[in-house]
Amino acid sequence: MAIVSRIDVQLARQKMSVKEFADRVGITPANIAILKNGRAKAVRLSTLDAMCRALQCQPGDLFEWVDDEAGDADVGDTGVHDSR
């Protein structure tokens, strides 16, 4: 997965519970968990806006793109990691 959730980091910084965050955003705590665990397939811009408003942050503070292929650069064409 290339998009990593940083929602838990922002919640900790704001000392906000998942329930309080869910109430402020207007979605269920279960849906917050889906977003936090990276199982969501999409996020509505209106939801992202509400999340940023609730946490007083930018979208990039909540989600980060991580290059999945960066760790495989030293593997070569074989796909086998050298365990030496």
PDB file of N, CA and C in Angstrom:
ATOM      1  N   MET A   1       0.838  -1.181   0.000  1.00  0.00           N
ATOM      2  CA  MET A   1       0.000   0.000   0.000  1.00  0.00           C
ATOM      3  C   MET A   1       0.878   1.238   0.000  1.00  0.00           C
ATOM      4  N   ALA A   2       0.630   2.151  -0.888  1.00  0.00           N
ATOM      5  CA  ALA A   2       1.464   3.321  -1.038  1.00  0.00           C
ATOM      6  C   ALA A   2       1.008   4.497  -0.177  1.00  0.00           C
ATOM      7  N   ILE A   3      -0.247   4.538   0.235  1.00  0.00           N
ATOM      8  CA  ILE A   3      -0.739   5.628   1.070  1.00  0.00           C
ATOM      9  C   ILE A   3      -0.820   5.130   2.507  1.00  0.00           C
ATOM     10  N   VAL A   4      -0.135   5.824   3.407  1.00  0.00           N
ATOM     11  CA  VAL A   4      -0.083   5.435   4.812  1.00  0.00           C
ATOM     12  C   VAL A   4      -0.848   6.465   5.637  1.00  0.00           C
ATOM     13  N   SER A   5      -1.687   5.985   6.541  1.00  0.00           N
ATOM     14  CA  SER A   5      -2.462   6.868   7.403  1.00  0.00           C
ATOM     15  C   SER A   5      -1.621   7.342   8.579  1.00  0.00           C
ATOM     16  N   ARG A   6      -1.696   8.626   8.846  1.00  0.00           N
ATOM     17  CA  ARG A   6      -1.035   9.231  10.011  1.00  0.00           C
ATOM     18  C   ARG A   6      -2.076   9.842  10.953  1.00  0.00           C
ATOM     19  N   ILE A   7      -3.326   9.373  10.824  1.00  0.00           N
ATOM     20  CA  ILE A   7      -4.413   9.902  11.644  1.00  0.00           C
ATOM     21  C   ILE A   7      -4.121   9.704  13.120  1.00  0.00           C
ATOM     22  N   ASP A   8      -3.610   8.527  13.487  1.00  0.00           N
ATOM     23  CA  ASP A   8      -3.328   8.251  14.893  1.00  0.00           C
ATOM     24  C   ASP A   8      -2.302   9.226  15.471  1.00  0.00           C
ATOM     25  N   VAL A   9      -1.332   9.637  14.664  1.00  0.00           N
ATOM     26  CA  VAL A   9      -0.326  10.603  15.117  1.00  0.00           C
ATOM     27  C   VAL A   9      -0.985  11.946  15.414  1.00  0.00           C
ATOM     28  N   GLN A  10      -1.870  12.381  14.515  1.00  0.00           N
ATOM     29  CA  GLN A  10      -2.554  13.658  14.709  1.00  0.00           C
ATOM     30  C   GLN A  10      -3.513  13.601  15.898  1.00  0.00           C
ATOM     31  N   LEU A  11      -4.193  12.479  16.074  1.00  0.00           N
ATOM     32  CA  LEU A  11      -5.073  12.334  17.234  1.00  0.00           C
ATOM     33  C   LEU A  11      -4.277  12.424  18.530  1.00  0.00           C
ATOM     34  N   ALA A  12      -3.116  11.790  18.558  1.00  0.00           N
ATOM     35  CA  ALA A  12      -2.272  11.840  19.758  1.00  0.00           C
ATOM     36  C   ALA A  12      -1.779  13.258  20.017  1.00  0.00           C
ATOM     37  N   ARG A  13      -1.375  13.954  18.963  1.00  0.00           N
ATOM     38  CA  ARG A  13      -0.904  15.336  19.130  1.00  0.00           C
ATOM     39  C   ARG A  13      -1.985  16.241  19.689  1.00  0.00           C
ATOM     40  N   GLN A  14      -3.223  16.004  19.255  1.00  0.00           N
ATOM     41  CA  GLN A  14      -4.348  16.822  19.708  1.00  0.00           C
ATOM     42  C   GLN A  14      -4.972  16.285  21.001  1.00  0.00           C
ATOM     43  N   LYS A  15      -4.476  15.125  21.455  1.00  0.00           N
ATOM     44  CA  LYS A  15      -5.030  14.460  22.633  1.00  0.00           C
ATOM     45  C   LYS A  15      -6.547  14.277  22.482  1.00  0.00           C
ATOM     46  N   MET A  16      -6.918  13.777  21.301  1.00  0.00           N
ATOM     47  CA  MET A  16      -8.326  13.599  20.968  1.00  0.00           C
ATOM     48  C   MET A  16      -8.629  12.109  20.820  1.00  0.00           C
ATOM     49  N   SER A  17      -9.743  11.677  21.375  1.00  0.00           N
ATOM     50  CA  SER A  17     -10.153  10.276  21.253  1.00  0.00           C
ATOM     51  C   SER A  17     -10.757  10.028  19.872  1.00  0.00           C
ATOM     52  N   VAL A  18     -10.795   8.772  19.493  1.00  0.00           N
ATOM     53  CA  VAL A  18     -11.401   8.401  18.217  1.00  0.00           C
ATOM     54  C   VAL A  18     -12.880   8.774  18.222  1.00  0.00           C
ATOM     55  N   LYS A  19     -13.556   8.570  19.348  1.00  0.00           N
ATOM     56  CA  LYS A  19     -14.984   8.907  19.436  1.00  0.00           C
ATOM     57  C   LYS A  19     -15.211  10.400  19.243  1.00  0.00           C
ATOM     58  N   GLU A  20     -14.435  11.219  19.918  1.00  0.00           N
ATOM     59  CA  GLU A  20     -14.579  12.664  19.775  1.00  0.00           C
ATOM     60  C   GLU A  20     -14.289  13.088  18.328  1.00  0.00           C
ATOM     61  N   PHE A  21     -13.236  12.514  17.751  1.00  0.00           N
ATOM     62  CA  PHE A  21     -12.877  12.820  16.370  1.00  0.00           C
ATOM     63  C   PHE A  21     -14.009  12.418  15.424  1.00  0.00           C
ATOM     64  N   ALA A  22     -14.536  11.220  15.605  1.00  0.00           N
ATOM     65  CA  ALA A  22     -15.634  10.741  14.759  1.00  0.00           C
ATOM     66  C   ALA A  22     -16.846  11.656  14.870  1.00  0.00           C
ATOM     67  N   ASP A  23     -17.166  12.087  16.088  1.00  0.00           N
ATOM     68  CA  ASP A  23     -18.299  13.000  16.292  1.00  0.00           C
ATOM     69  C   ASP A  23     -18.072  14.327  15.578  1.00  0.00           C
ATOM     70  N   ARG A  24     -16.863  14.851  15.674  1.00  0.00           N
ATOM     71  CA  ARG A  24     -16.551  16.132  15.033  1.00  0.00           C
ATOM     72  C   ARG A  24     -16.576  16.027  13.503  1.00  0.00           C
ATOM     73  N   VAL A  25     -16.124  14.882  12.994  1.00  0.00           N
ATOM     74  CA  VAL A  25     -16.054  14.686  11.542  1.00  0.00           C
ATOM     75  C   VAL A  25     -17.423  14.317  10.973  1.00  0.00           C
ATOM     76  N   GLY A  26     -18.212  13.613  11.768  1.00  0.00           N
ATOM     77  CA  GLY A  26     -19.533  13.208  11.312  1.00  0.00           C
ATOM     78  C   GLY A  26     -19.566  11.833  10.678  1.00  0.00           C
ATOM     79  N   ILE A  27     -18.615  10.963  11.059  1.00  0.00           N
ATOM     80  CA  ILE A  27     -18.628   9.569  10.608  1.00  0.00           C
ATOM     81  C   ILE A  27     -18.465   8.669  11.828  1.00  0.00           C
ATOM     82  N   THR A  28     -18.690   7.394  11.644  1.00  0.00           N
ATOM     83  CA  THR A  28     -18.654   6.474  12.776  1.00  0.00           C
ATOM     84  C   THR A  28     -17.212   6.155  13.196  1.00  0.00           C
ATOM     85  N   PRO A  29     -17.024   5.783  14.462  1.00  0.00           N
ATOM     86  CA  PRO A  29     -15.695   5.337  14.897  1.00  0.00           C
ATOM     87  C   PRO A  29     -15.199   4.143  14.079  1.00  0.00           C
ATOM     88  N   ALA A  30     -16.107   3.290  13.622  1.00  0.00           N
ATOM     89  CA  ALA A  30     -15.703   2.146  12.790  1.00  0.00           C
ATOM     90  C   ALA A  30     -15.091   2.627  11.481  1.00  0.00           C
ATOM     91  N   ASN A  31     -15.661   3.672  10.898  1.00  0.00           N
ATOM     92  CA  ASN A  31     -15.095   4.209   9.657  1.00  0.00           C
ATOM     93  C   ASN A  31     -13.767   4.917   9.906  1.00  0.00           C
ATOM     94  N   ILE A  32     -13.607   5.524  11.073  1.00  0.00           N
ATOM     95  CA  ILE A  32     -12.304   6.104  11.439  1.00  0.00           C
ATOM     96  C   ILE A  32     -11.268   4.981  11.512  1.00  0.00           C
ATOM     97  N   ALA A  33     -11.655   3.853  12.112  1.00  0.00           N
ATOM     98  CA  ALA A  33     -10.741   2.710  12.216  1.00  0.00           C
ATOM     99  C   ALA A  33     -10.338   2.205  10.835  1.00  0.00           C
ATOM    100  N   ILE A  34     -11.283   2.161   9.905  1.00  0.00           N
ATOM    101  CA  ILE A  34     -10.977   1.725   8.541  1.00  0.00           C
ATOM    102  C   ILE A  34      -9.969   2.671   7.896  1.00  0.00           C
ATOM    103  N   LEU A  35     -10.145   3.959   8.108  1.00  0.00           N
ATOM    104  CA  LEU A  35      -9.197   4.944   7.575  1.00  0.00           C
ATOM    105  C   LEU A  35      -7.827   4.804   8.237  1.00  0.00           C
ATOM    106  N   LYS A  36      -7.818   4.641   9.557  1.00  0.00           N
ATOM    107  CA  LYS A  36      -6.553   4.537  10.294  1.00  0.00           C
ATOM    108  C   LYS A  36      -5.770   3.293   9.910  1.00  0.00           C
ATOM    109  N   ASN A  37      -6.477   2.202   9.641  1.00  0.00           N
ATOM    110  CA  ASN A  37      -5.811   0.924   9.355  1.00  0.00           C
ATOM    111  C   ASN A  37      -5.477   0.741   7.886  1.00  0.00           C
ATOM    112  N   GLY A  38      -5.776   1.744   7.072  1.00  0.00           N
ATOM    113  CA  GLY A  38      -5.416   1.676   5.664  1.00  0.00           C
ATOM    114  C   GLY A  38      -6.289   0.758   4.830  1.00  0.00           C
ATOM    115  N   ARG A  39      -7.476   0.441   5.309  1.00  0.00           N
ATOM    116  CA  ARG A  39      -8.363  -0.452   4.570  1.00  0.00           C
ATOM    117  C   ARG A  39      -9.355   0.299   3.688  1.00  0.00           C
ATOM    118  N   ALA A  40      -9.361   1.627   3.762  1.00  0.00           N
ATOM    119  CA  ALA A  40     -10.285   2.420   2.949  1.00  0.00           C
ATOM    120  C   ALA A  40      -9.812   2.459   1.507  1.00  0.00           C
ATOM    121  N   LYS A  41     -10.747   2.394   0.590  1.00  0.00           N
ATOM    122  CA  LYS A  41     -10.430   2.476  -0.832  1.00  0.00           C
ATOM    123  C   LYS A  41     -10.478   3.911  -1.332  1.00  0.00           C
ATOM    124  N   ALA A  42     -11.213   4.770  -0.622  1.00  0.00           N
ATOM    125  CA  ALA A  42     -11.362   6.169  -1.038  1.00  0.00           C
ATOM    126  C   ALA A  42     -11.763   7.008   0.167  1.00  0.00           C
ATOM    127  N   VAL A  43     -11.526   8.306   0.055  1.00  0.00           N
ATOM    128  CA  VAL A  43     -11.947   9.260   1.073  1.00  0.00           C
ATOM    129  C   VAL A  43     -12.606  10.425   0.347  1.00  0.00           C
ATOM    130  N   ARG A  44     -13.829  10.757   0.717  1.00  0.00           N
ATOM    131  CA  ARG A  44     -14.489  11.906   0.118  1.00  0.00           C
ATOM    132  C   ARG A  44     -13.758  13.172   0.532  1.00  0.00           C
ATOM    133  N   LEU A  45     -13.692  14.114  -0.389  1.00  0.00           N
ATOM    134  CA  LEU A  45     -13.038  15.387  -0.074  1.00  0.00           C
ATOM    135  C   LEU A  45     -13.760  16.110   1.056  1.00  0.00           C
ATOM    136  N   SER A  46     -15.066  15.972   1.143  1.00  0.00           N
ATOM    137  CA  SER A  46     -15.807  16.607   2.236  1.00  0.00           C
ATOM    138  C   SER A  46     -15.422  15.979   3.582  1.00  0.00           C
ATOM    139  N   THR A  47     -15.156  14.672   3.588  1.00  0.00           N
ATOM    140  CA  THR A  47     -14.703  13.998   4.813  1.00  0.00           C
ATOM    141  C   THR A  47     -13.290  14.438   5.160  1.00  0.00           C
ATOM    142  N   LEU A  48     -12.430  14.517   4.170  1.00  0.00           N
ATOM    143  CA  LEU A  48     -11.055  14.968   4.396  1.00  0.00           C
ATOM    144  C   LEU A  48     -11.054  16.403   4.924  1.00  0.00           C
ATOM    145  N   ASP A  49     -11.911  17.245   4.372  1.00  0.00           N
ATOM    146  CA  ASP A  49     -12.045  18.618   4.843  1.00  0.00           C
ATOM    147  C   ASP A  49     -12.466  18.644   6.313  1.00  0.00           C
ATOM    148  N   ALA A  50     -13.459  17.825   6.666  1.00  0.00           N
ATOM    149  CA  ALA A  50     -13.933  17.776   8.057  1.00  0.00           C
ATOM    150  C   ALA A  50     -12.849  17.252   8.993  1.00  0.00           C
ATOM    151  N   MET A  51     -12.072  16.276   8.524  1.00  0.00           N
ATOM    152  CA  MET A  51     -10.983  15.737   9.337  1.00  0.00           C
ATOM    153  C   MET A  51      -9.922  16.807   9.591  1.00  0.00           C
ATOM    154  N   CYS A  52      -9.569  17.552   8.549  1.00  0.00           N
ATOM    155  CA  CYS A  52      -8.563  18.608   8.688  1.00  0.00           C
ATOM    156  C   CYS A  52      -9.066  19.728   9.600  1.00  0.00           C
ATOM    157  N   ARG A  53     -10.341  20.061   9.478  1.00  0.00           N
ATOM    158  CA  ARG A  53     -10.923  21.089  10.355  1.00  0.00           C
ATOM    159  C   ARG A  53     -10.901  20.643  11.815  1.00  0.00           C
ATOM    160  N   ALA A  54     -11.274  19.384  12.059  1.00  0.00           N
ATOM    161  CA  ALA A  54     -11.328  18.867  13.428  1.00  0.00           C
ATOM    162  C   ALA A  54      -9.953  18.843  14.074  1.00  0.00           C
ATOM    163  N   LEU A  55      -8.925  18.540  13.292  1.00  0.00           N
ATOM    164  CA  LEU A  55      -7.573  18.416  13.827  1.00  0.00           C
ATOM    165  C   LEU A  55      -6.693  19.633  13.546  1.00  0.00           C
ATOM    166  N   GLN A  56      -7.262  20.636  12.838  1.00  0.00           N
ATOM    167  CA  GLN A  56      -6.504  21.839  12.494  1.00  0.00           C
ATOM    168  C   GLN A  56      -5.170  21.474  11.844  1.00  0.00           C
ATOM    169  N   CYS A  57      -5.272  20.684  10.761  1.00  0.00           N
ATOM    170  CA  CYS A  57      -4.067  20.222  10.075  1.00  0.00           C
ATOM    171  C   CYS A  57      -4.295  20.222   8.571  1.00  0.00           C
ATOM    172  N   GLN A  58      -3.278  19.830   7.838  1.00  0.00           N
ATOM    173  CA  GLN A  58      -3.334  19.727   6.389  1.00  0.00           C
ATOM    174  C   GLN A  58      -3.541  18.262   5.992  1.00  0.00           C
ATOM    175  N   PRO A  59      -4.090  18.003   4.782  1.00  0.00           N
ATOM    176  CA  PRO A  59      -4.277  16.618   4.353  1.00  0.00           C
ATOM    177  C   PRO A  59      -2.990  15.781   4.421  1.00  0.00           C
ATOM    178  N   GLY A  60      -1.864  16.395   4.128  1.00  0.00           N
ATOM    179  CA  GLY A  60      -0.589  15.684   4.180  1.00  0.00           C
ATOM    180  C   GLY A  60      -0.172  15.289   5.584  1.00  0.00           C
ATOM    181  N   ASP A  61      -0.794  15.897   6.590  1.00  0.00           N
ATOM    182  CA  ASP A  61      -0.536  15.498   7.975  1.00  0.00           C
ATOM    183  C   ASP A  61      -1.285  14.214   8.322  1.00  0.00           C
ATOM    184  N   LEU A  62      -2.332  13.913   7.565  1.00  0.00           N
ATOM    185  CA  LEU A  62      -3.170  12.746   7.834  1.00  0.00           C
ATOM    186  C   LEU A  62      -2.793  11.532   6.996  1.00  0.00           C
ATOM    187  N   PHE A  63      -2.295  11.780   5.791  1.00  0.00           N
ATOM    188  CA  PHE A  63      -1.936  10.699   4.876  1.00  0.00           C
ATOM    189  C   PHE A  63      -0.604  11.000   4.227  1.00  0.00           C
ATOM    190  N   GLU A  64       0.178   9.943   4.043  1.00  0.00           N
ATOM    191  CA  GLU A  64       1.495  10.091   3.430  1.00  0.00           C
ATOM    192  C   GLU A  64       1.666   9.039   2.344  1.00  0.00           C
ATOM    193  N   TRP A  65       2.213   9.452   1.212  1.00  0.00           N
ATOM    194  CA  TRP A  65       2.533   8.510   0.153  1.00  0.00           C
ATOM    195  C   TRP A  65       3.916   7.945   0.414  1.00  0.00           C
ATOM    196  N   VAL A  66       4.032   6.617   0.399  1.00  0.00           N
ATOM    197  CA  VAL A  66       5.300   5.929   0.605  1.00  0.00           C
ATOM    198  C   VAL A  66       5.551   5.057  -0.612  1.00  0.00           C
ATOM    199  N   ASP A  67       6.733   5.167  -1.184  1.00  0.00           N
ATOM    200  CA  ASP A  67       7.093   4.403  -2.371  1.00  0.00           C
ATOM    201  C   ASP A  67       7.319   2.948  -1.993  1.00  0.00           C
ATOM    202  N   ASP A  68       6.387   2.077  -2.369  1.00  0.00           N
ATOM    203  CA  ASP A  68       6.510   0.646  -2.081  1.00  0.00           C
ATOM    204  C   ASP A  68       7.714   0.030  -2.775  1.00  0.00           C
ATOM    205  N   GLU A  69       8.076   0.548  -3.923  1.00  0.00           N
ATOM    206  CA  GLU A  69       9.152  -0.032  -4.709  1.00  0.00           C
ATOM    207  C   GLU A  69      10.536   0.403  -4.241  1.00  0.00           C
ATOM    208  N   ALA A  70      10.625   1.405  -3.381  1.00  0.00           N
ATOM    209  CA  ALA A  70      11.933   1.901  -2.920  1.00  0.00           C
ATOM    210  C   ALA A  70      12.694   0.816  -2.169  1.00  0.00           C
ATOM    211  N   GLY A  71      11.990   0.006  -1.385  1.00  0.00           N
ATOM    212  CA  GLY A  71      12.651  -1.062  -0.639  1.00  0.00           C
ATOM    213  C   GLY A  71      13.093  -2.213  -1.509  1.00  0.00           C
ATOM    214  N   ASP A  72      12.549  -2.302  -2.720  1.00  0.00           N
ATOM    215  CA  ASP A  72      12.903  -3.397  -3.621  1.00  0.00           C
ATOM    216  C   ASP A  72      14.019  -3.030  -4.591  1.00  0.00           C
ATOM    217  N   ALA A  73      14.527  -1.811  -4.508  1.00  0.00           N
ATOM    218  CA  ALA A  73      15.523  -1.336  -5.478  1.00  0.00           C
ATOM    219  C   ALA A  73      16.803  -2.169  -5.443  1.00  0.00           C
ATOM    220  N   ASP A  74      17.164  -2.697  -4.285  1.00  0.00           N
ATOM    221  CA  ASP A  74      18.405  -3.451  -4.190  1.00  0.00           C
ATOM    222  C   ASP A  74      18.203  -4.946  -4.433  1.00  0.00           C
ATOM    223  N   VAL A  75      16.996  -5.362  -4.734  1.00  0.00           N
ATOM    224  CA  VAL A  75      16.699  -6.772  -4.914  1.00  0.00           C
ATOM    225  C   VAL A  75      17.159  -7.267  -6.278  1.00  0.00           C
ATOM    226  N   GLY A  76      17.075  -6.424  -7.283  1.00  0.00           N
ATOM    227  CA  GLY A  76      17.438  -6.850  -8.633  1.00  0.00           C
ATOM    228  C   GLY A  76      16.274  -7.535  -9.307  1.00  0.00           C
ATOM    229  N   ASP A  77      16.558  -8.189 -10.434  1.00  0.00           N
ATOM    230  CA  ASP A  77      15.496  -8.812 -11.220  1.00  0.00           C
ATOM    231  C   ASP A  77      15.045 -10.141 -10.669  1.00  0.00           C
ATOM    232  N   THR A  78      15.768 -10.735  -9.725  1.00  0.00           N
ATOM    233  CA  THR A  78      15.440 -12.069  -9.236  1.00  0.00           C
ATOM    234  C   THR A  78      14.272 -12.047  -8.278  1.00  0.00           C
ATOM    235  N   GLY A  79      14.059 -10.936  -7.573  1.00  0.00           N
ATOM    236  CA  GLY A  79      13.003 -10.876  -6.581  1.00  0.00           C
ATOM    237  C   GLY A  79      13.363 -11.597  -5.300  1.00  0.00           C
ATOM    238  N   VAL A  80      14.614 -12.008  -5.143  1.00  0.00           N
ATOM    239  CA  VAL A  80      15.072 -12.738  -3.958  1.00  0.00           C
ATOM    240  C   VAL A  80      16.004 -11.838  -3.168  1.00  0.00           C
ATOM    241  N   HIS A  81      15.739 -11.706  -1.866  1.00  0.00           N
ATOM    242  CA  HIS A  81      16.596 -10.893  -1.004  1.00  0.00           C
ATOM    243  C   HIS A  81      17.792 -11.705  -0.550  1.00  0.00           C
ATOM    244  N   ASP A  82      18.959 -11.108  -0.560  1.00  0.00           N
ATOM    245  CA  ASP A  82      20.180 -11.748  -0.088  1.00  0.00           C
ATOM    246  C   ASP A  82      20.168 -11.675   1.432  1.00  0.00           C
ATOM    247  N   SER A  83      20.203 -12.779   2.114  1.00  0.00           N
ATOM    248  CA  SER A  83      20.109 -12.812   3.569  1.00  0.00           C
ATOM    249  C   SER A  83      21.457 -12.810   4.275  1.00  0.00           C
ATOM    250  N   ARG A  84      22.542 -12.572   3.524  1.00  0.00           N
ATOM    251  CA  ARG A  84      23.868 -12.565   4.153  1.00  0.00           C
ATOM    252  C   ARG A  84      24.065 -11.409   5.058  1.00  0.00           C
TER     253      ARG A  84
END
